Amino acid sequence: HYLEMSTEIHIDLLHSGGHNGVLPLGAAGVGAAVIAIELDTCRQLFRAEGGRWSTTGCTGDQPPWARADQPAIRLGPNGGAMPGQLRHLRFVLDRERQEVIMYSDDVMMVPAGAEPGQFGVPVGGGACRDYSNVQNGSLVCPNVHPPVSEMHLRVVELVVWPEASLEVRRLAVLAPAEYWQPLADIAPWPA
C-alpha cells in the first residue's frame, strides 16, 4: 500500500509488434502489447497496436487480453506506438479529474474527440465514455458513476500477445516523499 498515492508511472519499453513489426491484414490483436494500470478496483488498459495507442477501462477480474474486442478510446497521433522503437511512456494520475494522462516520448496522447482542455482519459472508460455519445459538447452517460474514488495505484501489468516481444528497460513510479519512507524502512537492504 506504500505506492497507493503515486502520481506518475514511467516505463521505457521496446515492443516488437510481432511478424517483424508488420501485422497481417485482419490479425486484430496479434502482436499487441498492453499496459494495465489498476487504480482502486478498476484496471485501465492501454494497448499498443498498429502504431496507435487506445484505452479501455475497468476490465474487472478479466485478464488484460479479454477485452480486445471491446470499444476503446483512440489516443494521440498515429505513430505513437510504432513497433521496433524504444518508447518512453509516462502516465500521470490526475486524481482531481479522475483521469490518466498518457505521454509517448513526451507527446501527449490526447483522447480522440476530447473536449478542449481535456487531456486525460476518464478512469473507467468503456462503451459509454468512448466519446461517441456527445450531445451539445458533453458526454451523455445517464446513471454512470466513476469506478474509482481515491485512484490508489495497486498494480502495473505489462502483457504482450503471441508472436511479439516486449522488453522493459525501466519501470519507475513517482510518489510524494512521505510514501517512500515507510518503504525504505521495511526494505531488506540497507538504506
N, C-alpha and C. Protein backbone atom coordinates (compact mmCIF):
# COMPACT_ATOMS: atom_id res chain seq x y z
N HIS A 1 0.80 -1.19 0.00
CA HIS A 1 0.00 0.00 0.00
C HIS A 1 0.85 1.27 0.00
N TYR A 2 2.17 1.11 -0.04
CA TYR A 2 3.05 2.27 0.01
C TYR A 2 3.06 3.06 -1.29
N LEU A 3 2.63 2.45 -2.38
CA LEU A 3 2.64 3.15 -3.66
C LEU A 3 1.25 3.66 -4.05
N GLU A 4 0.29 3.58 -3.14
CA GLU A 4 -1.08 3.97 -3.46
C GLU A 4 -1.18 5.39 -4.00
N MET A 5 -0.44 6.31 -3.43
CA MET A 5 -0.56 7.71 -3.81
C MET A 5 0.46 8.12 -4.88
N SER A 6 0.99 7.18 -5.63
CA SER A 6 1.90 7.51 -6.72
C SER A 6 1.22 8.49 -7.66
N THR A 7 2.00 9.40 -8.21
CA THR A 7 1.45 10.43 -9.08
C THR A 7 1.78 10.19 -10.55
N GLU A 8 2.85 9.44 -10.82
CA GLU A 8 3.24 9.15 -12.21
C GLU A 8 3.85 7.76 -12.30
N ILE A 9 3.73 7.18 -13.48
CA ILE A 9 4.36 5.90 -13.81
C ILE A 9 5.20 6.14 -15.06
N HIS A 10 6.46 5.72 -15.04
CA HIS A 10 7.36 5.86 -16.18
C HIS A 10 7.79 4.47 -16.64
N ILE A 11 7.68 4.21 -17.94
CA ILE A 11 8.07 2.92 -18.49
C ILE A 11 8.85 3.17 -19.78
N ASP A 12 10.05 2.61 -19.85
CA ASP A 12 10.81 2.60 -21.10
C ASP A 12 10.70 1.19 -21.66
N LEU A 13 10.16 1.06 -22.88
CA LEU A 13 9.97 -0.27 -23.43
C LEU A 13 10.23 -0.32 -24.92
N LEU A 14 10.52 -1.52 -25.36
CA LEU A 14 10.72 -1.82 -26.78
C LEU A 14 9.76 -2.96 -27.10
N HIS A 15 8.86 -2.71 -28.05
CA HIS A 15 7.80 -3.66 -28.40
C HIS A 15 8.01 -4.07 -29.85
N SER A 16 8.08 -5.38 -30.10
CA SER A 16 8.37 -5.85 -31.46
C SER A 16 7.18 -5.78 -32.39
N GLY A 17 5.97 -5.92 -31.86
CA GLY A 17 4.77 -5.92 -32.70
C GLY A 17 4.52 -7.24 -33.39
N GLY A 18 5.43 -8.18 -33.31
CA GLY A 18 5.25 -9.47 -33.96
C GLY A 18 5.42 -9.39 -35.47
N HIS A 19 5.66 -10.49 -36.09
CA HIS A 19 5.81 -10.56 -37.55
C HIS A 19 6.80 -9.49 -38.04
N ASN A 20 7.90 -9.31 -37.31
CA ASN A 20 8.89 -8.29 -37.65
C ASN A 20 8.28 -6.89 -37.69
N GLY A 21 7.30 -6.66 -36.82
CA GLY A 21 6.69 -5.34 -36.73
C GLY A 21 5.57 -5.11 -37.73
N VAL A 22 5.29 -6.09 -38.60
CA VAL A 22 4.24 -5.93 -39.61
C VAL A 22 3.15 -6.94 -39.32
N LEU A 23 1.96 -6.45 -39.09
CA LEU A 23 0.84 -7.34 -38.80
C LEU A 23 0.12 -7.71 -40.08
N PRO A 24 -0.27 -8.98 -40.24
CA PRO A 24 -1.04 -9.36 -41.41
C PRO A 24 -2.43 -8.74 -41.36
N LEU A 25 -3.02 -8.49 -42.52
CA LEU A 25 -4.36 -7.93 -42.58
C LEU A 25 -5.34 -8.83 -41.85
N GLY A 26 -6.22 -8.22 -41.08
CA GLY A 26 -7.24 -8.98 -40.36
C GLY A 26 -6.75 -9.65 -39.10
N ALA A 27 -5.53 -9.37 -38.68
CA ALA A 27 -4.97 -10.04 -37.50
C ALA A 27 -5.12 -9.16 -36.26
N ALA A 28 -6.33 -8.75 -35.99
CA ALA A 28 -6.57 -7.89 -34.82
C ALA A 28 -6.11 -8.59 -33.57
N GLY A 29 -5.36 -7.88 -32.76
CA GLY A 29 -4.88 -8.43 -31.50
C GLY A 29 -3.54 -9.10 -31.61
N VAL A 30 -3.19 -9.65 -32.77
CA VAL A 30 -1.90 -10.32 -32.92
C VAL A 30 -0.81 -9.28 -32.82
N GLY A 31 0.14 -9.52 -31.92
CA GLY A 31 1.27 -8.63 -31.79
C GLY A 31 1.05 -7.43 -30.89
N ALA A 32 -0.14 -7.26 -30.34
CA ALA A 32 -0.41 -6.10 -29.49
C ALA A 32 0.30 -6.23 -28.15
N ALA A 33 0.57 -5.08 -27.55
CA ALA A 33 1.11 -5.03 -26.19
C ALA A 33 0.12 -4.24 -25.34
N VAL A 34 0.00 -4.62 -24.08
CA VAL A 34 -0.95 -3.97 -23.18
C VAL A 34 -0.24 -3.58 -21.89
N ILE A 35 -0.55 -2.37 -21.44
CA ILE A 35 -0.14 -1.92 -20.11
C ILE A 35 -1.44 -1.75 -19.34
N ALA A 36 -1.56 -2.47 -18.24
CA ALA A 36 -2.76 -2.40 -17.40
C ALA A 36 -2.38 -1.72 -16.09
N ILE A 37 -3.10 -0.67 -15.76
CA ILE A 37 -2.86 0.07 -14.52
C ILE A 37 -4.10 -0.09 -13.65
N GLU A 38 -3.92 -0.75 -12.50
CA GLU A 38 -5.06 -0.95 -11.61
C GLU A 38 -5.11 0.19 -10.60
N LEU A 39 -6.21 0.93 -10.63
CA LEU A 39 -6.47 2.04 -9.72
C LEU A 39 -7.71 1.70 -8.92
N ASP A 40 -7.57 1.61 -7.60
CA ASP A 40 -8.62 1.09 -6.74
C ASP A 40 -8.97 -0.31 -7.25
N THR A 41 -10.18 -0.53 -7.73
CA THR A 41 -10.55 -1.84 -8.26
C THR A 41 -10.76 -1.78 -9.78
N CYS A 42 -10.36 -0.69 -10.41
CA CYS A 42 -10.53 -0.54 -11.85
C CYS A 42 -9.20 -0.77 -12.55
N ARG A 43 -9.20 -1.65 -13.52
CA ARG A 43 -7.99 -1.91 -14.30
C ARG A 43 -8.14 -1.23 -15.64
N GLN A 44 -7.41 -0.10 -15.82
CA GLN A 44 -7.44 0.68 -17.07
C GLN A 44 -6.38 0.11 -18.00
N LEU A 45 -6.80 -0.26 -19.23
CA LEU A 45 -5.88 -0.86 -20.20
C LEU A 45 -5.44 0.17 -21.22
N PHE A 46 -4.16 0.15 -21.56
CA PHE A 46 -3.60 0.96 -22.64
C PHE A 46 -2.96 -0.03 -23.60
N ARG A 47 -3.44 -0.02 -24.87
CA ARG A 47 -2.99 -1.03 -25.83
C ARG A 47 -2.29 -0.39 -27.01
N ALA A 48 -1.10 -0.92 -27.31
CA ALA A 48 -0.33 -0.51 -28.49
C ALA A 48 -0.59 -1.54 -29.57
N GLU A 49 -1.14 -1.06 -30.69
CA GLU A 49 -1.45 -1.98 -31.78
C GLU A 49 -1.54 -1.19 -33.07
N GLY A 50 -0.84 -1.64 -34.10
CA GLY A 50 -0.91 -0.99 -35.40
C GLY A 50 -0.40 0.44 -35.39
N GLY A 51 0.56 0.74 -34.50
CA GLY A 51 1.15 2.07 -34.46
C GLY A 51 0.37 3.09 -33.64
N ARG A 52 -0.74 2.68 -33.04
CA ARG A 52 -1.59 3.59 -32.25
C ARG A 52 -1.75 3.07 -30.84
N TRP A 53 -2.08 3.99 -29.95
CA TRP A 53 -2.48 3.65 -28.60
C TRP A 53 -4.00 3.76 -28.49
N SER A 54 -4.58 2.90 -27.68
CA SER A 54 -6.00 3.01 -27.35
C SER A 54 -6.15 2.60 -25.90
N THR A 55 -7.32 2.89 -25.33
CA THR A 55 -7.55 2.53 -23.92
C THR A 55 -8.97 2.05 -23.72
N THR A 56 -9.12 1.14 -22.78
CA THR A 56 -10.41 0.59 -22.35
C THR A 56 -10.36 0.52 -20.84
N GLY A 57 -11.48 0.78 -20.19
CA GLY A 57 -11.45 0.84 -18.74
C GLY A 57 -12.22 -0.23 -18.02
N CYS A 58 -11.81 -0.43 -16.80
CA CYS A 58 -12.46 -1.31 -15.83
C CYS A 58 -12.74 -2.71 -16.37
N THR A 59 -11.69 -3.48 -16.50
CA THR A 59 -11.83 -4.83 -17.01
C THR A 59 -12.12 -5.83 -15.91
N GLY A 60 -12.17 -5.38 -14.68
CA GLY A 60 -12.51 -6.29 -13.58
C GLY A 60 -11.47 -7.36 -13.39
N ASP A 61 -11.93 -8.58 -13.15
CA ASP A 61 -11.01 -9.69 -12.91
C ASP A 61 -10.53 -10.34 -14.20
N GLN A 62 -11.05 -9.89 -15.33
CA GLN A 62 -10.66 -10.47 -16.60
C GLN A 62 -9.19 -10.17 -16.89
N PRO A 63 -8.50 -11.08 -17.57
CA PRO A 63 -7.11 -10.79 -17.94
C PRO A 63 -7.05 -9.64 -18.95
N PRO A 64 -5.90 -8.97 -19.07
CA PRO A 64 -5.80 -7.80 -19.95
C PRO A 64 -6.20 -8.04 -21.39
N TRP A 65 -6.09 -9.25 -21.88
CA TRP A 65 -6.42 -9.52 -23.28
C TRP A 65 -7.89 -9.87 -23.48
N ALA A 66 -8.67 -10.02 -22.42
CA ALA A 66 -10.05 -10.47 -22.54
C ALA A 66 -10.96 -9.46 -23.22
N ARG A 67 -10.61 -8.19 -23.21
CA ARG A 67 -11.50 -7.17 -23.79
C ARG A 67 -10.94 -6.58 -25.06
N ALA A 68 -10.16 -7.33 -25.78
CA ALA A 68 -9.53 -6.83 -27.00
C ALA A 68 -10.56 -6.37 -28.03
N ASP A 69 -11.76 -6.95 -27.98
CA ASP A 69 -12.77 -6.60 -28.98
C ASP A 69 -13.77 -5.55 -28.47
N GLN A 70 -13.58 -5.03 -27.26
CA GLN A 70 -14.49 -4.04 -26.68
C GLN A 70 -14.19 -2.65 -27.23
N PRO A 71 -15.17 -1.75 -27.15
CA PRO A 71 -14.93 -0.37 -27.61
C PRO A 71 -13.75 0.23 -26.85
N ALA A 72 -12.95 0.99 -27.56
CA ALA A 72 -11.78 1.61 -26.97
C ALA A 72 -11.68 3.06 -27.43
N ILE A 73 -11.05 3.88 -26.62
CA ILE A 73 -10.81 5.27 -26.96
C ILE A 73 -9.44 5.34 -27.64
N ARG A 74 -9.40 5.88 -28.85
CA ARG A 74 -8.12 6.08 -29.52
C ARG A 74 -7.38 7.23 -28.86
N LEU A 75 -6.06 7.10 -28.77
CA LEU A 75 -5.25 8.11 -28.12
C LEU A 75 -4.21 8.68 -29.06
N GLY A 76 -4.08 10.00 -29.03
CA GLY A 76 -2.96 10.69 -29.67
C GLY A 76 -2.81 10.48 -31.15
N PRO A 77 -1.72 11.04 -31.67
CA PRO A 77 -1.46 10.90 -33.10
C PRO A 77 -1.02 9.49 -33.45
N ASN A 78 -1.29 9.10 -34.68
CA ASN A 78 -0.82 7.80 -35.18
C ASN A 78 0.70 7.80 -35.15
N GLY A 79 1.30 6.67 -34.83
CA GLY A 79 2.74 6.56 -34.78
C GLY A 79 3.30 6.58 -33.37
N GLY A 80 2.47 6.89 -32.38
CA GLY A 80 2.93 6.94 -31.00
C GLY A 80 3.22 5.58 -30.41
N ALA A 81 2.91 4.51 -31.15
CA ALA A 81 3.14 3.15 -30.66
C ALA A 81 3.75 2.28 -31.74
N MET A 82 4.55 2.86 -32.62
CA MET A 82 5.14 2.07 -33.70
C MET A 82 6.06 0.99 -33.14
N PRO A 83 5.90 -0.24 -33.60
CA PRO A 83 6.75 -1.33 -33.12
C PRO A 83 8.21 -1.11 -33.51
N GLY A 84 9.09 -1.71 -32.72
CA GLY A 84 10.50 -1.68 -33.04
C GLY A 84 11.22 -0.41 -32.62
N GLN A 85 10.53 0.48 -31.94
CA GLN A 85 11.14 1.74 -31.49
C GLN A 85 11.08 1.81 -29.98
N LEU A 86 12.20 2.17 -29.35
CA LEU A 86 12.22 2.36 -27.92
C LEU A 86 11.32 3.54 -27.58
N ARG A 87 10.42 3.34 -26.63
CA ARG A 87 9.46 4.38 -26.23
C ARG A 87 9.61 4.67 -24.75
N HIS A 88 9.54 5.96 -24.43
CA HIS A 88 9.44 6.37 -23.03
C HIS A 88 7.98 6.75 -22.81
N LEU A 89 7.30 6.00 -21.97
CA LEU A 89 5.89 6.25 -21.66
C LEU A 89 5.78 6.86 -20.27
N ARG A 90 4.88 7.81 -20.15
CA ARG A 90 4.62 8.44 -18.86
C ARG A 90 3.12 8.50 -18.67
N PHE A 91 2.66 8.02 -17.54
CA PHE A 91 1.25 8.05 -17.18
C PHE A 91 1.11 8.94 -15.95
N VAL A 92 0.37 10.03 -16.08
CA VAL A 92 0.16 10.96 -14.98
C VAL A 92 -1.23 10.69 -14.41
N LEU A 93 -1.30 10.48 -13.11
CA LEU A 93 -2.57 10.18 -12.44
C LEU A 93 -3.16 11.48 -11.90
N ASP A 94 -4.19 11.97 -12.56
CA ASP A 94 -4.86 13.21 -12.16
C ASP A 94 -6.05 12.84 -11.28
N ARG A 95 -5.82 12.86 -9.98
CA ARG A 95 -6.86 12.44 -9.04
C ARG A 95 -8.01 13.44 -8.96
N GLU A 96 -7.72 14.70 -9.19
CA GLU A 96 -8.78 15.70 -9.13
C GLU A 96 -9.83 15.47 -10.21
N ARG A 97 -9.38 15.20 -11.42
CA ARG A 97 -10.32 14.96 -12.53
C ARG A 97 -10.61 13.49 -12.76
N GLN A 98 -9.96 12.61 -11.98
CA GLN A 98 -10.08 11.16 -12.11
C GLN A 98 -9.78 10.73 -13.55
N GLU A 99 -8.62 11.15 -14.02
CA GLU A 99 -8.16 10.83 -15.37
C GLU A 99 -6.72 10.36 -15.34
N VAL A 100 -6.35 9.63 -16.38
CA VAL A 100 -4.96 9.25 -16.61
C VAL A 100 -4.52 9.96 -17.88
N ILE A 101 -3.43 10.71 -17.79
CA ILE A 101 -2.88 11.41 -18.95
C ILE A 101 -1.66 10.62 -19.41
N MET A 102 -1.66 10.22 -20.67
CA MET A 102 -0.58 9.40 -21.21
C MET A 102 0.30 10.22 -22.15
N TYR A 103 1.61 10.00 -22.04
CA TYR A 103 2.59 10.60 -22.95
C TYR A 103 3.41 9.47 -23.56
N SER A 104 3.73 9.59 -24.84
CA SER A 104 4.64 8.68 -25.52
C SER A 104 5.77 9.53 -26.08
N ASP A 105 6.98 9.34 -25.57
CA ASP A 105 8.13 10.16 -25.96
C ASP A 105 7.80 11.64 -25.82
N ASP A 106 7.22 12.01 -24.70
CA ASP A 106 6.87 13.40 -24.35
C ASP A 106 5.79 14.02 -25.23
N VAL A 107 5.10 13.22 -26.03
CA VAL A 107 3.97 13.70 -26.82
C VAL A 107 2.70 13.23 -26.11
N MET A 108 1.83 14.19 -25.78
CA MET A 108 0.60 13.85 -25.08
C MET A 108 -0.33 13.07 -25.99
N MET A 109 -0.84 11.96 -25.49
CA MET A 109 -1.76 11.11 -26.23
C MET A 109 -3.19 11.51 -25.86
N VAL A 110 -3.67 12.59 -26.47
CA VAL A 110 -4.99 13.14 -26.16
C VAL A 110 -6.07 12.21 -26.71
N PRO A 111 -7.12 11.95 -25.92
CA PRO A 111 -8.20 11.08 -26.39
C PRO A 111 -8.90 11.67 -27.61
N ALA A 112 -9.22 10.82 -28.57
CA ALA A 112 -9.95 11.25 -29.76
C ALA A 112 -11.30 11.80 -29.35
N GLY A 113 -11.65 12.97 -29.87
CA GLY A 113 -12.94 13.57 -29.59
C GLY A 113 -13.04 14.26 -28.25
N ALA A 114 -11.93 14.41 -27.55
CA ALA A 114 -11.97 15.06 -26.23
C ALA A 114 -12.31 16.53 -26.38
N GLU A 115 -12.96 17.07 -25.35
CA GLU A 115 -13.30 18.47 -25.34
C GLU A 115 -12.04 19.30 -25.12
N PRO A 116 -12.04 20.56 -25.55
CA PRO A 116 -10.88 21.42 -25.30
C PRO A 116 -10.56 21.47 -23.81
N GLY A 117 -9.28 21.33 -23.50
CA GLY A 117 -8.86 21.34 -22.11
C GLY A 117 -8.85 19.99 -21.44
N GLN A 118 -9.40 18.97 -22.11
CA GLN A 118 -9.35 17.62 -21.55
C GLN A 118 -8.16 16.91 -22.17
N PHE A 119 -7.22 16.51 -21.32
CA PHE A 119 -6.00 15.87 -21.82
C PHE A 119 -5.94 14.39 -21.46
N GLY A 120 -6.70 13.98 -20.45
CA GLY A 120 -6.61 12.60 -19.99
C GLY A 120 -7.82 11.78 -20.34
N VAL A 121 -7.72 10.52 -19.99
CA VAL A 121 -8.78 9.55 -20.20
C VAL A 121 -9.50 9.35 -18.87
N PRO A 122 -10.84 9.51 -18.83
CA PRO A 122 -11.55 9.24 -17.59
C PRO A 122 -11.32 7.79 -17.17
N VAL A 123 -10.93 7.58 -15.92
CA VAL A 123 -10.69 6.22 -15.46
C VAL A 123 -12.01 5.47 -15.51
N GLY A 124 -12.00 4.36 -16.16
CA GLY A 124 -13.21 3.56 -16.35
C GLY A 124 -13.53 3.41 -17.81
N GLY A 125 -13.51 4.52 -18.54
CA GLY A 125 -13.72 4.48 -19.99
C GLY A 125 -14.87 3.58 -20.37
N GLY A 126 -14.64 2.75 -21.35
CA GLY A 126 -15.65 1.79 -21.77
C GLY A 126 -16.59 2.37 -22.81
N ALA A 127 -17.65 1.65 -23.07
CA ALA A 127 -18.55 1.98 -24.17
C ALA A 127 -19.19 3.35 -23.99
N CYS A 128 -19.59 3.70 -22.78
CA CYS A 128 -20.28 4.97 -22.58
C CYS A 128 -19.32 6.15 -22.67
N ARG A 129 -18.07 5.94 -22.34
CA ARG A 129 -17.12 7.04 -22.29
C ARG A 129 -16.18 7.02 -23.49
N ASP A 130 -16.64 6.52 -24.63
CA ASP A 130 -15.76 6.44 -25.79
C ASP A 130 -15.89 7.65 -26.71
N TYR A 131 -16.54 8.71 -26.24
CA TYR A 131 -16.71 9.97 -26.95
C TYR A 131 -17.57 9.85 -28.20
N SER A 132 -18.31 8.75 -28.34
CA SER A 132 -19.20 8.62 -29.49
C SER A 132 -20.60 9.12 -29.15
N ASN A 133 -20.88 9.34 -27.89
CA ASN A 133 -22.21 9.76 -27.46
C ASN A 133 -22.16 11.20 -26.94
N VAL A 134 -21.74 12.13 -27.79
CA VAL A 134 -21.60 13.53 -27.39
C VAL A 134 -22.79 14.32 -27.92
N GLN A 135 -23.44 15.08 -27.01
CA GLN A 135 -24.54 15.95 -27.39
C GLN A 135 -24.32 17.30 -26.73
N ASN A 136 -24.40 18.35 -27.51
CA ASN A 136 -24.20 19.70 -27.01
C ASN A 136 -22.85 19.86 -26.30
N GLY A 137 -21.84 19.18 -26.80
CA GLY A 137 -20.50 19.34 -26.27
C GLY A 137 -20.18 18.56 -25.01
N SER A 138 -21.11 17.75 -24.50
CA SER A 138 -20.79 16.96 -23.31
C SER A 138 -21.25 15.52 -23.49
N LEU A 139 -20.61 14.65 -22.76
CA LEU A 139 -20.95 13.23 -22.84
C LEU A 139 -22.30 12.96 -22.20
N VAL A 140 -23.04 12.07 -22.80
CA VAL A 140 -24.34 11.68 -22.26
C VAL A 140 -24.19 10.25 -21.72
N CYS A 141 -24.03 10.15 -20.42
CA CYS A 141 -23.87 8.86 -19.77
C CYS A 141 -24.79 8.81 -18.56
N PRO A 142 -26.07 8.55 -18.77
CA PRO A 142 -27.00 8.56 -17.64
C PRO A 142 -26.68 7.46 -16.64
N ASN A 143 -26.79 7.81 -15.37
CA ASN A 143 -26.62 6.85 -14.27
C ASN A 143 -25.26 6.18 -14.25
N VAL A 144 -24.23 6.84 -14.77
CA VAL A 144 -22.89 6.28 -14.73
C VAL A 144 -22.10 6.99 -13.64
N HIS A 145 -21.51 6.21 -12.75
CA HIS A 145 -20.72 6.76 -11.66
C HIS A 145 -19.26 6.39 -11.87
N PRO A 146 -18.34 7.26 -11.46
CA PRO A 146 -16.93 6.91 -11.61
C PRO A 146 -16.61 5.60 -10.89
N PRO A 147 -15.80 4.74 -11.50
CA PRO A 147 -15.50 3.44 -10.91
C PRO A 147 -14.40 3.51 -9.86
N VAL A 148 -13.85 4.70 -9.62
CA VAL A 148 -12.78 4.84 -8.64
C VAL A 148 -13.15 5.95 -7.68
N SER A 149 -12.50 5.95 -6.52
CA SER A 149 -12.72 7.03 -5.58
C SER A 149 -11.41 7.74 -5.28
N GLU A 150 -10.40 7.01 -4.85
CA GLU A 150 -9.12 7.61 -4.47
C GLU A 150 -8.06 7.48 -5.55
N MET A 151 -8.27 6.62 -6.51
CA MET A 151 -7.28 6.31 -7.55
C MET A 151 -5.97 5.80 -6.93
N HIS A 152 -6.09 4.90 -5.96
CA HIS A 152 -4.91 4.29 -5.36
C HIS A 152 -4.28 3.33 -6.36
N LEU A 153 -3.00 3.50 -6.61
CA LEU A 153 -2.29 2.60 -7.52
C LEU A 153 -2.09 1.26 -6.84
N ARG A 154 -2.56 0.20 -7.47
CA ARG A 154 -2.43 -1.15 -6.92
C ARG A 154 -1.41 -1.99 -7.68
N VAL A 155 -1.54 -2.01 -9.02
CA VAL A 155 -0.71 -2.91 -9.84
C VAL A 155 -0.45 -2.26 -11.19
N VAL A 156 0.73 -2.52 -11.74
CA VAL A 156 1.03 -2.20 -13.14
C VAL A 156 1.41 -3.51 -13.81
N GLU A 157 0.66 -3.89 -14.85
CA GLU A 157 0.92 -5.14 -15.57
C GLU A 157 1.35 -4.82 -16.99
N LEU A 158 2.27 -5.60 -17.53
CA LEU A 158 2.67 -5.48 -18.92
C LEU A 158 2.48 -6.83 -19.57
N VAL A 159 1.74 -6.86 -20.68
CA VAL A 159 1.38 -8.11 -21.35
C VAL A 159 1.65 -7.94 -22.83
N VAL A 160 2.08 -9.01 -23.47
CA VAL A 160 2.29 -8.97 -24.92
C VAL A 160 1.59 -10.16 -25.54
N TRP A 161 1.05 -9.95 -26.73
CA TRP A 161 0.34 -11.00 -27.45
C TRP A 161 1.35 -12.00 -28.02
N PRO A 162 0.85 -13.16 -28.45
CA PRO A 162 1.73 -14.14 -29.10
C PRO A 162 2.40 -13.53 -30.34
N GLU A 163 3.52 -14.06 -30.68
CA GLU A 163 4.30 -13.66 -31.85
C GLU A 163 4.88 -12.25 -31.72
N ALA A 164 4.93 -11.72 -30.52
CA ALA A 164 5.52 -10.40 -30.29
C ALA A 164 6.40 -10.50 -29.06
N SER A 165 7.24 -9.50 -28.89
CA SER A 165 8.08 -9.45 -27.69
C SER A 165 8.00 -8.06 -27.08
N LEU A 166 8.30 -8.00 -25.81
CA LEU A 166 8.25 -6.75 -25.08
C LEU A 166 9.46 -6.72 -24.15
N GLU A 167 10.30 -5.73 -24.32
CA GLU A 167 11.47 -5.56 -23.47
C GLU A 167 11.27 -4.31 -22.64
N VAL A 168 11.19 -4.48 -21.32
CA VAL A 168 11.03 -3.36 -20.41
C VAL A 168 12.41 -2.96 -19.92
N ARG A 169 12.82 -1.76 -20.24
CA ARG A 169 14.15 -1.29 -19.84
C ARG A 169 14.11 -0.50 -18.54
N ARG A 170 12.94 0.06 -18.21
CA ARG A 170 12.80 0.81 -16.96
C ARG A 170 11.33 0.87 -16.59
N LEU A 171 11.07 0.71 -15.31
CA LEU A 171 9.73 0.89 -14.76
C LEU A 171 9.92 1.63 -13.45
N ALA A 172 9.35 2.82 -13.34
CA ALA A 172 9.51 3.64 -12.15
C ALA A 172 8.19 4.33 -11.82
N VAL A 173 8.00 4.61 -10.56
CA VAL A 173 6.83 5.38 -10.13
C VAL A 173 7.32 6.60 -9.36
N LEU A 174 6.55 7.64 -9.45
CA LEU A 174 6.83 8.87 -8.74
C LEU A 174 5.76 9.04 -7.68
N ALA A 175 6.18 9.27 -6.44
CA ALA A 175 5.23 9.44 -5.34
C ALA A 175 5.78 10.48 -4.38
N PRO A 176 4.90 11.10 -3.61
CA PRO A 176 5.37 12.05 -2.60
C PRO A 176 6.33 11.38 -1.62
N ALA A 177 7.28 12.14 -1.11
CA ALA A 177 8.35 11.59 -0.26
C ALA A 177 7.82 10.83 0.95
N GLU A 178 6.77 11.30 1.57
CA GLU A 178 6.29 10.65 2.79
C GLU A 178 5.82 9.22 2.54
N TYR A 179 5.54 8.85 1.29
CA TYR A 179 5.13 7.48 0.99
C TYR A 179 6.32 6.56 0.75
N TRP A 180 7.46 7.13 0.46
CA TRP A 180 8.66 6.31 0.24
C TRP A 180 9.34 5.95 1.54
N GLN A 181 9.25 6.78 2.57
CA GLN A 181 9.95 6.50 3.82
C GLN A 181 9.53 5.16 4.44
N PRO A 182 8.22 4.86 4.55
CA PRO A 182 7.86 3.54 5.10
C PRO A 182 8.41 2.39 4.26
N LEU A 183 8.48 2.54 2.95
CA LEU A 183 9.02 1.50 2.10
C LEU A 183 10.51 1.31 2.37
N ALA A 184 11.24 2.40 2.53
CA ALA A 184 12.67 2.31 2.84
C ALA A 184 12.89 1.68 4.20
N ASP A 185 11.98 1.93 5.14
CA ASP A 185 12.12 1.37 6.49
C ASP A 185 12.00 -0.15 6.51
N ILE A 186 11.20 -0.72 5.62
CA ILE A 186 11.00 -2.17 5.64
C ILE A 186 11.82 -2.91 4.58
N ALA A 187 12.60 -2.17 3.78
CA ALA A 187 13.38 -2.79 2.71
C ALA A 187 14.41 -3.76 3.27
N PRO A 188 14.66 -4.88 2.58
CA PRO A 188 15.62 -5.88 3.08
C PRO A 188 17.08 -5.47 2.86
N TRP A 189 17.34 -4.34 2.27
CA TRP A 189 18.70 -3.86 2.05
C TRP A 189 18.94 -2.63 2.92
N PRO A 190 20.20 -2.30 3.18
CA PRO A 190 20.48 -1.11 3.99
C PRO A 190 20.09 0.17 3.25
N ALA A 191 19.50 1.10 3.98
CA ALA A 191 19.06 2.37 3.39
C ALA A 191 20.20 3.36 3.27
